[in-house]
Protein backbone atom coordinates (compact mmCIF):
# COMPACT_ATOMS: atom_id res chain seq x y z
CA MET A 1 -38.92 -25.81 -4.25
CA ASP A 2 -38.91 -25.33 -0.45
CA LEU A 3 -35.37 -23.68 0.31
CA LYS A 4 -34.22 -22.48 3.61
CA LEU A 5 -31.46 -20.21 4.14
CA GLU A 6 -29.38 -20.30 7.57
CA LYS A 7 -26.32 -18.19 8.72
CA ASN A 8 -25.51 -19.90 11.92
CA LEU A 9 -22.33 -22.01 11.50
CA PHE A 10 -23.04 -24.45 14.66
CA SER A 11 -26.45 -25.20 12.94
CA SER A 12 -24.85 -26.33 9.51
CA LEU A 13 -22.26 -28.35 11.18
CA ALA A 14 -25.41 -30.09 13.04
CA VAL A 15 -26.69 -30.60 9.83
CA LYS A 16 -23.59 -32.06 8.19
CA MET A 17 -23.75 -34.90 10.85
CA GLY A 18 -27.12 -36.25 9.13
CA VAL A 19 -26.15 -38.81 7.24
CA THR A 20 -29.28 -39.26 5.33
CA GLU A 21 -29.01 -35.83 3.51
CA THR A 22 -27.62 -35.51 -0.22
CA GLU A 23 -24.83 -32.91 0.25
CA GLY A 24 -23.43 -30.62 -2.52
CA ASN A 25 -20.57 -27.85 -1.90
CA LEU A 26 -20.68 -24.57 -3.86
CA GLU A 27 -18.25 -21.82 -3.80
CA ILE A 28 -19.03 -18.54 -5.20
CA LEU A 29 -15.62 -16.62 -6.02
CA SER A 30 -15.68 -12.94 -7.06
CA SER A 31 -13.92 -10.29 -8.68
CA SER A 32 -16.36 -7.38 -7.21
CA THR A 33 -15.20 -5.08 -4.91
CA LEU A 34 -16.32 -4.41 -1.20
CA GLY A 35 -19.66 -2.89 -1.45
CA SER A 36 -20.80 -4.41 -4.81
CA ARG A 37 -24.79 -4.70 -4.84
CA GLU A 38 -24.71 -6.83 -7.94
CA GLY A 39 -22.71 -9.87 -7.61
CA LYS A 40 -22.27 -13.30 -5.96
CA THR A 41 -24.62 -12.24 -2.89
CA THR A 42 -27.30 -11.31 -4.96
CA ILE A 43 -27.04 -14.65 -6.95
CA ILE A 44 -27.13 -16.61 -3.74
CA LEU A 45 -30.08 -14.72 -2.18
CA ARG A 46 -32.25 -14.99 -5.27
CA CYS A 47 -31.73 -18.98 -5.74
CA LEU A 48 -32.77 -19.08 -1.93
CA ASP A 49 -35.75 -17.13 -2.51
CA ARG A 50 -34.48 -14.62 0.09
CA ASP A 51 -36.02 -11.25 -0.49
CA GLU A 52 -33.31 -8.70 1.31
CA PRO A 53 -30.84 -6.18 0.08
CA PRO A 54 -27.37 -7.88 -0.45
CA LYS A 55 -24.44 -7.00 1.84
CA PRO A 56 -20.84 -6.64 1.31
CA THR A 57 -18.92 -10.21 1.65
CA LEU A 58 -16.09 -10.16 4.30
CA ALA A 59 -13.73 -12.62 3.96
CA LEU A 60 -15.26 -16.61 3.52
CA GLU A 61 -18.95 -16.30 4.47
CA TYR A 62 -21.33 -19.65 4.80
CA THR A 63 -24.50 -20.10 4.34
CA TYR A 64 -26.71 -23.15 3.21
CA GLY A 65 -29.90 -24.02 1.51
CA ARG A 66 -32.24 -27.09 1.85
CA ARG A 67 -34.66 -28.63 -0.96
CA ALA A 68 -37.65 -30.87 -0.07
CA ARG A 69 -37.70 -34.09 -2.15
CA GLY A 70 -41.25 -35.17 -1.01
CA HIS A 71 -43.03 -36.01 1.94
CA ASN A 72 -41.03 -37.69 4.81
CA ILE A 73 -38.34 -37.83 2.46
CA PRO A 74 -34.51 -36.53 4.15
CA LYS A 75 -34.09 -33.30 2.44
CA ASP A 76 -31.14 -32.53 -0.14
CA ILE A 77 -28.49 -29.73 1.80
CA ALA A 78 -25.99 -27.40 -0.12
CA HIS A 79 -23.41 -25.50 1.37
CA PHE A 80 -22.57 -22.06 -0.06
CA TRP A 81 -19.03 -20.96 0.63
CA GLU A 82 -18.72 -17.03 -0.71
CA LEU A 83 -15.28 -15.35 -1.13
CA GLY A 84 -15.22 -11.78 -0.98
CA GLY A 85 -11.87 -9.51 -1.33
CA GLY A 86 -11.30 -10.13 -4.85
CA THR A 87 -8.08 -11.59 -5.00
CA SER A 88 -6.74 -10.84 -1.82
CA LEU A 89 -8.22 -13.55 0.29
CA LEU A 90 -7.19 -16.46 -2.05
CA ASP A 91 -5.54 -18.73 0.93
CA LEU A 92 -9.01 -19.01 2.14
CA ILE A 93 -10.46 -21.45 -0.38
CA SER A 94 -8.28 -23.99 1.17
CA ILE A 95 -10.82 -24.08 3.87
CA PRO A 96 -13.69 -25.28 2.18
CA ILE A 97 -12.10 -27.05 -0.80
CA THR A 98 -10.39 -30.42 0.88
CA SER A 99 -9.90 -33.98 -0.57
CA ASP A 100 -13.19 -34.80 1.44
CA THR A 101 -15.40 -32.32 -0.08
CA LEU A 102 -13.74 -32.36 -3.52
CA ARG A 103 -16.40 -34.94 -4.96
CA THR A 104 -19.72 -32.60 -4.33
CA PHE A 105 -17.95 -29.20 -5.10
CA SER A 106 -18.74 -26.85 -7.72
CA ILE A 107 -17.25 -23.34 -8.28
CA VAL A 108 -18.85 -20.26 -9.45
CA LEU A 109 -16.67 -17.09 -10.63
CA VAL A 110 -18.46 -14.12 -10.59
CA LEU A 111 -16.93 -11.43 -12.87
CA ASP A 112 -17.98 -7.64 -13.20
CA LEU A 113 -18.32 -6.91 -16.66
CA SER A 114 -18.74 -3.28 -16.03
CA LYS A 115 -14.77 -3.00 -15.15
CA PRO A 116 -13.24 -4.57 -18.16
CA ASN A 117 -9.63 -3.45 -17.45
CA ASP A 118 -9.62 -5.37 -14.11
CA LEU A 119 -11.40 -8.37 -15.57
CA TRP A 120 -8.72 -10.54 -17.15
CA PRO A 121 -6.02 -9.99 -14.04
CA THR A 122 -8.78 -10.95 -11.69
CA MET A 123 -10.16 -13.92 -13.54
CA GLU A 124 -6.43 -15.30 -14.17
CA ASN A 125 -5.59 -14.99 -10.49
CA LEU A 126 -8.66 -16.69 -9.04
CA LEU A 127 -8.82 -19.12 -11.53
CA GLN A 128 -4.92 -20.02 -11.21
CA ALA A 129 -4.93 -20.28 -7.42
CA THR A 130 -8.18 -22.39 -7.43
CA LYS A 131 -7.00 -24.81 -10.11
CA SER A 132 -3.63 -25.22 -8.44
CA HIS A 133 -5.27 -25.90 -4.87
CA ILE A 134 -7.97 -28.23 -6.90
CA ASP A 135 -5.00 -30.40 -8.38
CA LYS A 136 -3.27 -30.82 -5.19
CA MET A 137 -6.48 -32.17 -3.43
CA ILE A 138 -6.95 -34.62 -6.50
CA MET A 139 -3.37 -35.94 -5.82
CA LYS A 140 -4.05 -36.16 -2.30
CA LEU A 141 -7.34 -37.87 -2.86
CA GLY A 142 -5.88 -40.02 -5.32
CA LYS A 143 -3.55 -41.66 -3.10
CA THR A 144 -6.40 -43.03 -0.77
CA ASN A 145 -9.44 -43.62 -3.53
CA SER A 146 -7.95 -43.76 -7.18
CA LYS A 147 -11.37 -44.90 -8.02
CA ALA A 148 -12.96 -41.69 -7.08
CA VAL A 149 -10.64 -39.40 -8.77
CA SER A 150 -11.18 -41.61 -12.11
CA GLU A 151 -15.03 -41.02 -11.81
CA MET A 152 -14.54 -37.41 -11.34
CA ARG A 153 -12.46 -37.25 -14.60
CA GLN A 154 -15.11 -39.27 -16.37
CA LYS A 155 -17.84 -37.08 -15.44
CA ILE A 156 -16.23 -33.84 -16.25
CA TRP A 157 -15.17 -35.06 -19.67
CA SER A 158 -18.83 -36.53 -20.37
CA ASN A 159 -19.73 -32.88 -20.67
CA MET A 160 -18.10 -32.95 -24.08
CA GLN A 161 -18.85 -35.27 -26.93
CA LYS A 162 -16.19 -38.08 -27.59
CA ASP A 163 -15.99 -36.76 -31.17
CA HIS A 164 -15.51 -32.98 -30.13
CA PRO A 165 -12.40 -31.60 -32.32
CA ASP A 166 -11.06 -29.80 -29.20
CA ARG A 167 -10.93 -32.75 -26.57
CA GLU A 168 -7.00 -32.64 -27.31
CA LEU A 169 -6.81 -28.76 -26.95
CA VAL A 170 -8.48 -27.97 -23.45
CA ASP A 171 -7.69 -28.49 -19.91
CA PRO A 172 -10.97 -28.65 -17.79
CA PHE A 173 -11.38 -28.21 -13.78
CA LEU A 174 -11.93 -31.28 -12.42
CA ILE A 175 -14.72 -30.27 -10.49
CA PRO A 176 -17.87 -28.13 -12.20
CA LEU A 177 -17.03 -24.47 -13.22
CA VAL A 178 -19.65 -21.84 -13.80
CA ILE A 179 -18.31 -18.22 -14.86
CA ILE A 180 -20.94 -15.65 -14.38
CA GLY A 181 -20.35 -12.20 -15.82
CA SER A 182 -22.58 -9.72 -13.66
CA LYS A 183 -23.74 -6.24 -14.56
CA TYR A 184 -24.80 -7.08 -18.36
CA ASP A 185 -27.21 -4.00 -18.02
CA ILE A 186 -24.02 -1.73 -18.05
CA PHE A 187 -22.04 -3.89 -20.57
CA GLN A 188 -24.62 -4.03 -23.05
CA ASP A 189 -24.10 0.19 -23.68
CA PHE A 190 -20.46 -0.65 -24.32
CA ASP A 191 -18.86 -0.21 -27.97
CA SER A 192 -19.74 -3.10 -30.15
CA GLU A 193 -16.02 -3.99 -30.36
CA LYS A 194 -15.26 -3.62 -27.27
CA ARG A 195 -18.11 -6.20 -26.42
CA LYS A 196 -17.02 -8.60 -29.11
CA VAL A 197 -13.42 -8.62 -27.57
CA MET A 198 -14.93 -9.56 -24.20
CA CYS A 199 -17.25 -11.85 -25.29
CA LYS A 200 -14.83 -13.87 -27.61
CA THR A 201 -12.05 -13.94 -24.87
CA LEU A 202 -14.72 -15.29 -21.89
CA ARG A 203 -15.95 -17.93 -24.32
CA PHE A 204 -12.24 -19.05 -25.09
CA VAL A 205 -11.31 -19.06 -21.45
CA ALA A 206 -14.53 -20.82 -20.31
CA HIS A 207 -14.46 -23.33 -23.33
CA TYR A 208 -10.64 -23.80 -22.12
CA TYR A 209 -11.46 -24.76 -18.44
CA GLY A 210 -14.65 -26.90 -19.37
CA ALA A 211 -16.71 -24.04 -17.60
CA SER A 212 -20.51 -22.95 -18.35
CA LEU A 213 -20.64 -19.39 -19.49
CA MET A 214 -23.52 -16.90 -18.77
CA PHE A 215 -24.39 -13.19 -17.97
CA THR A 216 -26.82 -11.67 -15.82
CA SER A 217 -27.97 -8.49 -14.47
CA LYS A 218 -31.00 -7.10 -12.44
CA SER A 219 -33.16 -8.80 -14.98
CA GLU A 220 -35.84 -11.34 -13.66
CA ALA A 221 -35.53 -13.27 -16.37
CA LEU A 222 -31.73 -13.73 -16.44
CA LEU A 223 -31.76 -14.32 -12.71
CA LEU A 224 -34.01 -17.01 -13.14
CA LYS A 225 -31.54 -18.67 -15.71
CA ILE A 226 -28.64 -18.30 -13.31
CA ARG A 227 -30.66 -19.74 -10.41
CA GLY A 228 -31.63 -22.78 -12.42
CA VAL A 229 -27.80 -23.31 -13.16
CA ILE A 230 -26.81 -22.89 -9.60
CA ASN A 231 -29.76 -25.28 -8.59
CA GLN A 232 -28.45 -27.87 -11.13
CA LEU A 233 -24.80 -27.71 -9.44
CA ALA A 234 -26.18 -27.79 -5.87
CA PHE A 235 -28.73 -30.08 -6.13
CA GLY A 236 -28.43 -32.13 -9.40
CA ILE A 237 -31.31 -30.87 -11.36
CA ASP A 238 -31.23 -31.32 -14.90
CA LYS A 239 -28.77 -29.19 -16.67
CA SER A 240 -30.11 -26.51 -19.42
CA LYS A 241 -29.42 -27.40 -23.35
CA SER A 242 -30.16 -23.89 -24.36
CA ILE A 243 -27.34 -22.01 -25.84
CA CYS A 244 -26.88 -18.07 -26.62
CA VAL A 245 -23.57 -16.82 -28.48
CA ASP A 246 -24.78 -13.52 -30.20
CA GLN A 247 -22.57 -10.94 -28.55
CA ASN A 248 -25.64 -8.49 -28.90
CA LYS A 249 -27.36 -10.66 -26.43
CA PRO A 250 -26.51 -12.07 -22.79
CA LEU A 251 -24.22 -15.25 -23.25
CA PHE A 252 -25.34 -18.46 -21.93
CA ILE A 253 -23.17 -21.42 -22.82
CA THR A 254 -23.20 -24.83 -21.06
CA ALA A 255 -20.19 -26.41 -20.58
CA GLY A 256 -18.98 -28.63 -23.45
CA LEU A 257 -21.49 -26.96 -26.32
CA ASP A 258 -19.02 -24.31 -27.67
CA SER A 259 -16.04 -24.88 -29.61
CA LEU A 260 -12.87 -23.15 -30.80
CA SER A 261 -14.04 -23.17 -34.32
CA GLN A 262 -17.28 -21.14 -33.33
CA ILE A 263 -15.34 -18.90 -30.82
CA GLY A 264 -12.88 -17.70 -33.80
CA SER A 265 -9.69 -16.38 -33.81
CA PRO A 266 -8.56 -13.51 -31.21
CA PRO A 267 -9.89 -10.22 -32.67
CA VAL A 268 -6.53 -8.77 -33.86
CA PRO A 269 -5.18 -8.22 -37.44
CA ASP A 270 -3.76 -11.32 -38.84
CA ASN A 271 -0.36 -9.53 -39.50
CA ASP A 272 -0.32 -8.47 -35.77
CA ILE A 273 -0.84 -12.04 -34.03
CA GLY A 274 2.98 -12.97 -34.70
CA LYS A 275 4.29 -9.93 -32.94
CA LEU A 276 2.60 -10.77 -29.57
CA HIS A 277 5.15 -13.88 -29.18
CA ALA A 278 2.58 -15.95 -27.16
CA ARG A 279 4.04 -19.31 -25.88
CA SER A 280 0.39 -20.66 -25.59
CA PRO A 281 -3.41 -20.14 -26.88
CA MET A 282 -4.11 -18.70 -23.51
CA GLU A 283 -1.11 -16.12 -23.38
CA LEU A 284 -2.29 -15.08 -26.79
CA TRP A 285 -5.64 -14.19 -25.68
CA LYS A 286 -4.54 -12.68 -22.86
CA LYS A 287 -1.98 -10.39 -24.69
CA VAL A 288 -5.10 -9.52 -27.01
CA TYR A 289 -7.41 -8.66 -24.54
CA GLU A 290 -4.86 -6.49 -22.81
CA ARG A 291 -4.26 -4.69 -25.51
CA VAL A 292 -7.71 -3.47 -25.60
CA PHE A 293 -8.27 -3.02 -22.18
CA PRO A 294 -4.74 -2.77 -20.36
CA PRO A 295 -4.65 -3.54 -16.40
CA LYS A 296 -5.21 -0.15 -14.65
CA SER A 297 -5.78 -1.30 -11.03
CA MET A 298 -2.74 -3.95 -10.11
CA ASN A 299 -1.94 -2.39 -6.69
CA THR A 300 -5.64 -3.03 -6.02
CA LEU A 301 -5.42 -6.68 -7.37
CA LYS A 302 -2.15 -7.94 -6.10
CA ASP A 303 -2.44 -10.54 -3.13
CA THR A 304 -2.60 -8.82 0.33
CA LYS A 305 -1.16 -11.06 2.71
CA ASP A 306 -2.68 -8.80 5.79
CA PRO A 307 -6.52 -8.20 5.30
CA ALA A 308 -6.03 -5.64 8.04
CA ARG A 309 -4.21 -3.47 5.77
CA ASP A 310 -6.35 -3.95 2.81
CA PRO A 311 -8.07 -0.73 1.93
CA GLN A 312 -11.06 -2.28 1.21
CA TYR A 313 -11.65 -3.25 5.09
CA ALA A 314 -10.78 0.38 6.05
CA GLU A 315 -11.85 1.66 9.22
CA ARG A 316 -10.87 5.23 10.41
CA GLU A 317 -11.17 4.71 14.10
CA VAL A 318 -9.60 0.94 14.40
CA ASP A 319 -7.08 1.81 11.72
CA GLU A 320 -5.66 4.91 13.88
CA MET A 321 -5.29 2.69 17.00
CA ARG A 322 -3.84 -0.20 14.89
CA THR A 323 -1.35 2.55 13.63
CA GLN A 324 -0.61 3.43 17.23
CA LYS A 325 -0.03 -0.06 18.47
CA ASP A 326 2.21 -0.88 15.58
CA GLN A 327 4.81 2.22 16.28
CA PRO A 328 7.95 0.99 17.77
CA GLU A 329 7.84 2.04 21.53
CA LEU A 330 10.52 5.08 22.51
CA ALA A 331 12.30 4.27 25.84
CA VAL A 332 13.19 7.55 27.58
CA CYS A 333 15.32 7.92 30.64
CA ILE A 334 15.67 11.27 31.94
CA VAL A 335 17.60 12.07 35.37
CA LEU A 336 16.93 15.04 36.88
CA HIS A 337 18.37 16.85 39.94
CA PRO A 338 16.57 16.57 43.17
CA ALA A 339 15.79 20.10 43.41
CA TRP A 340 14.01 20.20 40.17
CA VAL A 341 11.21 17.49 41.43
CA GLN A 342 11.22 18.39 44.91
CA HIS A 343 8.02 20.69 44.61
CA HIS A 344 6.58 19.37 41.20
CA VAL A 345 4.87 16.49 39.71
CA TRP A 346 5.82 16.07 36.13
CA SER A 347 3.33 15.03 33.31
CA GLU A 348 4.49 12.82 30.49
CA ASN A 349 4.41 15.51 28.20
CA GLU A 350 6.40 18.10 30.22
CA LEU A 351 9.04 14.96 30.33
CA LEU A 352 9.19 14.66 26.63
CA ASP A 353 9.28 18.41 26.03
CA LEU A 354 12.14 18.33 28.27
CA ALA A 355 13.84 15.68 26.45
CA SER A 356 13.64 17.43 23.24
CA GLY A 357 15.10 20.57 24.51
CA PRO A 358 18.94 21.77 24.07
CA GLY A 359 21.09 20.25 26.39
CA PHE A 360 19.91 16.68 26.11
CA GLU A 361 21.80 13.93 24.49
CA ALA A 362 20.47 10.58 23.85
CA GLN A 363 22.02 7.69 26.05
CA PRO A 364 21.25 4.43 26.69
CA CYS A 365 18.95 3.57 29.78
CA SER A 366 20.51 1.21 32.01
């Protein structure tokens, strides 16, 4: 496969003008904090055969890959939109996901398995915000092209057999969704009961939203599996039918192949389930998960409307200048006797010291 990576946005715009090429869009969402070296960027670089160290993702980054189909045949192109910043930059998803791109779009959510206490709130915020925006774009598209929306629904539901017992119990995304758990090499050393809770919970969430679920790490074999999944989303390559639901191994479950009966009930004693007062299955799983992994970093996970104040983008020199700029200006009006200034040039600091001394009162300047 001949894949080429470009980081020039103007080049990408020129390529998008070529109507003979088959296009696909892929957005990579991540819960990883800035500086994580084993997340979405690693996955993209591996899929595009780029042997270079991953760099922290700043806001929304764009790349694209091309795949040769044969001699003198136009290449397929896939647009990769990579959202960094965890949940702080969710508003940016409206840039790549529009009613025009919706039919060729796929979502990949990368979750850090090594941080189980942050996993649920981050996953919940990202999925809810993305689904809400997608639903709005579906409604917008439906007003002008109801046939396209109907085809999208049929395509997503085709992942699940018509006689699947859970068809009435799930609410799938109307565009392909893949949930990837990164840093499996750390996760595999967790206590078995904790791994059980995380695996069962992620299986339920993925199944409910009609998503594929898989774990990965630095292992070449696991990265090759993920590469195959990404290429399938981006270029329409045949979907893998392999499945692994063993919690002692990296999970790999293609959308539509799991079931609630196989997942089982939430890992909590039966006599405790009634005490959780959940209004829906999703809320029940959330309460069970957070009993084992209570959120610890809610302040860092909440939406930050001003990225300039986000601690993960801190730069001391820039922040100090910004702090000075944001301070309200102080207007000082000092009236001096002519004899005081006749033979002396007063500096700003001297005037401020003078104004703060005894005998001076604050008076409005006219």
